């Protein structure tokens, strides 16, 4: 089988590299989609543990190309994008905890800071999700728990 690609060593042992495999999707042909090949857990500064299960599919960072002069998908921490996409996919509704959109965006910022993403790039990414993210937040799979939802 395919070997997973190792992504994003940050030097911070609280943020281990994320392993993922590219997958194809006709539905989203213009985006690269990735499948997480092993569970990933992140402990927030508030002490919450967010566990993203193996098999979760995401697009890493969907930065529209016109904005690449300020920030590209590669400028955003893969861990930050993974956790953020997971929170957004389910409208913040995780087992044992409900996050609102602002909390999800704040966790995105927190992880980028720990991953040493530059201050200005963090701010651009953060304000992009704050301003535009509400459209994605309102199109979530928030009707069931993450464990009950099929992957795309």
C-alpha atoms as a PDB file:
ATOM      1  CA  UNK A   1       0.000   0.000   0.000  1.00  0.00           C
ATOM      2  CA  UNK A   2       0.856   3.670  -0.057  1.00  0.00           C
ATOM      3  CA  UNK A   3       3.139   5.026   2.615  1.00  0.00           C
ATOM      4  CA  UNK A   4       1.757   8.049   4.463  1.00  0.00           C
ATOM      5  CA  UNK A   5       3.572  11.325   3.964  1.00  0.00           C
ATOM      6  CA  UNK A   6       4.913  12.918   7.125  1.00  0.00           C
ATOM      7  CA  UNK A   7       3.861  16.540   7.436  1.00  0.00           C
ATOM      8  CA  UNK A   8       4.863  19.386   9.678  1.00  0.00           C
ATOM      9  CA  UNK A   9       7.497  18.691  12.284  1.00  0.00           C
ATOM     10  CA  UNK A  10       7.292  21.771  14.468  1.00  0.00           C
ATOM     11  CA  UNK A  11       9.959  21.079  17.077  1.00  0.00           C
ATOM     12  CA  UNK A  12       7.197  21.318  19.703  1.00  0.00           C
ATOM     13  CA  UNK A  13       6.549  17.880  21.172  1.00  0.00           C
ATOM     14  CA  UNK A  14       2.961  18.878  22.005  1.00  0.00           C
ATOM     15  CA  UNK A  15       2.316  19.039  18.247  1.00  0.00           C
ATOM     16  CA  UNK A  16       3.525  15.781  16.692  1.00  0.00           C
ATOM     17  CA  UNK A  17       3.718  15.621  12.903  1.00  0.00           C
ATOM     18  CA  UNK A  18       0.477  14.760  11.163  1.00  0.00           C
ATOM     19  CA  UNK A  19       0.526  11.767   8.849  1.00  0.00           C
ATOM     20  CA  UNK A  20      -1.843  11.817   5.930  1.00  0.00           C
ATOM     21  CA  UNK A  21      -2.431  10.251   2.545  1.00  0.00           C
ATOM     22  CA  UNK A  22      -3.732  12.083  -0.503  1.00  0.00           C
ATOM     23  CA  UNK A  23      -7.127  10.845  -1.686  1.00  0.00           C
ATOM     24  CA  UNK A  24      -9.102  11.747  -4.761  1.00  0.00           C
ATOM     25  CA  UNK A  25     -12.577  13.209  -4.933  1.00  0.00           C
ATOM     26  CA  UNK A  26     -14.520  14.079  -8.062  1.00  0.00           C
ATOM     27  CA  UNK A  27     -16.843  16.195  -5.924  1.00  0.00           C
ATOM     28  CA  UNK A  28     -13.982  18.465  -4.878  1.00  0.00           C
ATOM     29  CA  UNK A  29     -11.614  17.961  -7.817  1.00  0.00           C
ATOM     30  CA  UNK A  30      -9.983  21.379  -7.481  1.00  0.00           C
ATOM     31  CA  UNK A  31      -8.972  20.722  -3.855  1.00  0.00           C
ATOM     32  CA  UNK A  32      -6.430  18.283  -2.497  1.00  0.00           C
ATOM     33  CA  UNK A  33      -8.080  16.109   0.113  1.00  0.00           C
ATOM     34  CA  UNK A  34      -6.226  14.171   2.758  1.00  0.00           C
ATOM     35  CA  UNK A  35      -7.158  11.250   4.948  1.00  0.00           C
ATOM     36  CA  UNK A  36      -5.715  11.090   8.438  1.00  0.00           C
ATOM     37  CA  UNK A  37      -4.033   7.695   8.792  1.00  0.00           C
ATOM     38  CA  UNK A  38      -3.744   7.634  12.580  1.00  0.00           C
ATOM     39  CA  UNK A  39      -5.615   9.255  15.446  1.00  0.00           C
ATOM     40  CA  UNK A  40      -4.462  12.761  16.329  1.00  0.00           C
ATOM     41  CA  UNK A  41      -5.087  14.398  19.707  1.00  0.00           C
ATOM     42  CA  UNK A  42      -4.557  17.985  20.719  1.00  0.00           C
ATOM     43  CA  UNK A  43      -4.840  19.342  24.258  1.00  0.00           C
ATOM     44  CA  UNK A  44      -5.941  22.970  24.278  1.00  0.00           C
ATOM     45  CA  UNK A  45      -4.485  25.538  26.643  1.00  0.00           C
ATOM     46  CA  UNK A  46      -7.785  25.239  28.559  1.00  0.00           C
ATOM     47  CA  UNK A  47      -7.121  21.518  29.057  1.00  0.00           C
ATOM     48  CA  UNK A  48      -9.701  20.133  26.612  1.00  0.00           C
ATOM     49  CA  UNK A  49      -8.593  17.143  24.566  1.00  0.00           C
ATOM     50  CA  UNK A  50      -9.731  17.176  20.937  1.00  0.00           C
ATOM     51  CA  UNK A  51      -9.305  13.760  19.345  1.00  0.00           C
ATOM     52  CA  UNK A  52      -9.481  13.539  15.559  1.00  0.00           C
ATOM     53  CA  UNK A  53      -9.934   9.894  14.528  1.00  0.00           C
ATOM     54  CA  UNK A  54      -7.999   8.120  11.814  1.00  0.00           C
ATOM     55  CA  UNK A  55     -10.008   8.185   8.609  1.00  0.00           C
ATOM     56  CA  UNK A  56     -11.050  11.835   8.946  1.00  0.00           C
ATOM     57  CA  UNK A  57     -10.839  13.549   5.534  1.00  0.00           C
ATOM     58  CA  UNK A  58      -9.951  17.208   5.202  1.00  0.00           C
ATOM     59  CA  UNK A  59      -8.411  19.706   2.794  1.00  0.00           C
ATOM     60  CA  UNK A  60      -5.637  20.981   5.086  1.00  0.00           C
ATOM     61  CA  UNK A  61      -5.994  24.738   4.526  1.00  0.00           C
ATOM     62  CA  UNK A  62      -8.421  26.022   1.903  1.00  0.00           C
ATOM     63  CA  UNK A  63      -6.902  29.418   1.229  1.00  0.00           C
ATOM     64  CA  UNK A  64      -8.376  30.929  -1.963  1.00  0.00           C
ATOM     65  CA  UNK A  65      -5.656  31.488  -4.569  1.00  0.00           C
ATOM     66  CA  UNK A  66      -6.192  35.289  -4.800  1.00  0.00           C
ATOM     67  CA  UNK A  67      -4.963  35.501  -1.159  1.00  0.00           C
ATOM     68  CA  UNK A  68      -1.750  33.544  -1.732  1.00  0.00           C
ATOM     69  CA  UNK A  69       0.201  36.809  -1.845  1.00  0.00           C
ATOM     70  CA  UNK A  70      -0.502  37.105   1.884  1.00  0.00           C
ATOM     71  CA  UNK A  71      -0.737  33.466   2.940  1.00  0.00           C
ATOM     72  CA  UNK A  72      -0.645  30.088   1.185  1.00  0.00           C
ATOM     73  CA  UNK A  73      -2.039  26.742   2.368  1.00  0.00           C
ATOM     74  CA  UNK A  74       1.538  25.701   3.210  1.00  0.00           C
ATOM     75  CA  UNK A  75       1.928  28.677   5.582  1.00  0.00           C
ATOM     76  CA  UNK A  76      -0.730  27.319   7.934  1.00  0.00           C
ATOM     77  CA  UNK A  77       0.198  24.568  10.404  1.00  0.00           C
ATOM     78  CA  UNK A  78      -1.219  21.218   9.240  1.00  0.00           C
ATOM     79  CA  UNK A  79      -2.182  20.471  12.853  1.00  0.00           C
ATOM     80  CA  UNK A  80      -4.074  23.755  13.134  1.00  0.00           C
ATOM     81  CA  UNK A  81      -5.902  23.114   9.863  1.00  0.00           C
ATOM     82  CA  UNK A  82      -6.745  19.538  10.880  1.00  0.00           C
ATOM     83  CA  UNK A  83      -8.257  20.439  14.244  1.00  0.00           C
ATOM     84  CA  UNK A  84     -10.027  23.491  12.794  1.00  0.00           C
ATOM     85  CA  UNK A  85     -11.525  21.487   9.925  1.00  0.00           C
ATOM     86  CA  UNK A  86     -12.679  18.808  12.384  1.00  0.00           C
ATOM     87  CA  UNK A  87     -14.380  21.361  14.627  1.00  0.00           C
ATOM     88  CA  UNK A  88     -16.007  23.053  11.631  1.00  0.00           C
ATOM     89  CA  UNK A  89     -17.148  19.782  10.060  1.00  0.00           C
ATOM     90  CA  UNK A  90     -19.351  19.064  13.053  1.00  0.00           C
ATOM     91  CA  UNK A  91     -20.298  22.575  14.068  1.00  0.00           C
ATOM     92  CA  UNK A  92     -18.178  22.259  17.186  1.00  0.00           C
ATOM     93  CA  UNK A  93     -20.336  19.386  18.477  1.00  0.00           C
ATOM     94  CA  UNK A  94     -17.834  16.873  19.854  1.00  0.00           C
ATOM     95  CA  UNK A  95     -18.341  14.115  22.427  1.00  0.00           C
ATOM     96  CA  UNK A  96     -18.459  15.771  25.841  1.00  0.00           C
ATOM     97  CA  UNK A  97     -18.089  19.360  24.623  1.00  0.00           C
ATOM     98  CA  UNK A  98     -19.784  21.865  22.300  1.00  0.00           C
ATOM     99  CA  UNK A  99     -17.521  24.565  20.847  1.00  0.00           C
ATOM    100  CA  UNK A 100     -18.820  27.693  19.196  1.00  0.00           C
ATOM    101  CA  UNK A 101     -17.286  29.137  16.034  1.00  0.00           C
ATOM    102  CA  UNK A 102     -15.176  31.689  17.892  1.00  0.00           C
ATOM    103  CA  UNK A 103     -13.729  28.996  20.161  1.00  0.00           C
ATOM    104  CA  UNK A 104     -12.867  26.878  17.100  1.00  0.00           C
ATOM    105  CA  UNK A 105     -11.136  29.856  15.483  1.00  0.00           C
ATOM    106  CA  UNK A 106      -9.292  30.686  18.716  1.00  0.00           C
ATOM    107  CA  UNK A 107      -8.005  27.095  18.927  1.00  0.00           C
ATOM    108  CA  UNK A 108      -6.838  27.447  15.302  1.00  0.00           C
ATOM    109  CA  UNK A 109      -4.858  30.549  16.341  1.00  0.00           C
ATOM    110  CA  UNK A 110      -3.498  28.803  19.455  1.00  0.00           C
ATOM    111  CA  UNK A 111      -2.156  25.857  17.450  1.00  0.00           C
ATOM    112  CA  UNK A 112      -0.617  28.111  14.788  1.00  0.00           C
ATOM    113  CA  UNK A 113       1.237  30.012  17.531  1.00  0.00           C
ATOM    114  CA  UNK A 114       2.575  26.757  19.020  1.00  0.00           C
ATOM    115  CA  UNK A 115       3.628  25.637  15.545  1.00  0.00           C
ATOM    116  CA  UNK A 116       5.655  28.854  15.118  1.00  0.00           C
ATOM    117  CA  UNK A 117       3.565  30.227  12.244  1.00  0.00           C
ATOM    118  CA  UNK A 118       4.644  33.858  11.845  1.00  0.00           C
ATOM    119  CA  UNK A 119       2.614  36.452  13.716  1.00  0.00           C
ATOM    120  CA  UNK A 120       1.353  38.272  10.591  1.00  0.00           C
ATOM    121  CA  UNK A 121       0.450  35.040   8.779  1.00  0.00           C
ATOM    122  CA  UNK A 122      -1.397  33.837  11.909  1.00  0.00           C
ATOM    123  CA  UNK A 123      -3.397  37.050  11.999  1.00  0.00           C
ATOM    124  CA  UNK A 124      -4.280  36.853   8.293  1.00  0.00           C
ATOM    125  CA  UNK A 125      -5.381  33.203   8.618  1.00  0.00           C
ATOM    126  CA  UNK A 126      -7.302  33.890  11.822  1.00  0.00           C
ATOM    127  CA  UNK A 127      -9.198  36.897  10.483  1.00  0.00           C
ATOM    128  CA  UNK A 128      -9.946  35.056   7.244  1.00  0.00           C
ATOM    129  CA  UNK A 129     -11.704  32.283   9.182  1.00  0.00           C
ATOM    130  CA  UNK A 130     -13.384  34.788  11.490  1.00  0.00           C
ATOM    131  CA  UNK A 131     -14.785  36.783   8.570  1.00  0.00           C
ATOM    132  CA  UNK A 132     -15.517  34.066   5.999  1.00  0.00           C
ATOM    133  CA  UNK A 133     -15.746  30.967   8.174  1.00  0.00           C
ATOM    134  CA  UNK A 134     -19.352  31.584   9.179  1.00  0.00           C
ATOM    135  CA  UNK A 135     -20.450  30.387   5.736  1.00  0.00           C
ATOM    136  CA  UNK A 136     -18.689  27.033   6.269  1.00  0.00           C
ATOM    137  CA  UNK A 137     -19.805  26.857   9.919  1.00  0.00           C
ATOM    138  CA  UNK A 138     -23.429  27.091   8.829  1.00  0.00           C
ATOM    139  CA  UNK A 139     -22.959  24.139   6.429  1.00  0.00           C
ATOM    140  CA  UNK A 140     -21.786  21.613   9.007  1.00  0.00           C
ATOM    141  CA  UNK A 141     -22.825  18.043   9.785  1.00  0.00           C
ATOM    142  CA  UNK A 142     -24.020  19.067  13.246  1.00  0.00           C
ATOM    143  CA  UNK A 143     -27.041  16.748  13.284  1.00  0.00           C
ATOM    144  CA  UNK A 144     -25.193  13.764  14.772  1.00  0.00           C
ATOM    145  CA  UNK A 145     -22.055  13.026  16.760  1.00  0.00           C
ATOM    146  CA  UNK A 146     -18.724  12.627  14.901  1.00  0.00           C
ATOM    147  CA  UNK A 147     -18.731   8.873  15.573  1.00  0.00           C
ATOM    148  CA  UNK A 148     -22.113   8.496  13.834  1.00  0.00           C
ATOM    149  CA  UNK A 149     -21.274  10.473  10.717  1.00  0.00           C
ATOM    150  CA  UNK A 150     -19.949   8.829   7.545  1.00  0.00           C
ATOM    151  CA  UNK A 151     -16.778  10.237   6.012  1.00  0.00           C
ATOM    152  CA  UNK A 152     -17.065  11.836   2.584  1.00  0.00           C
END
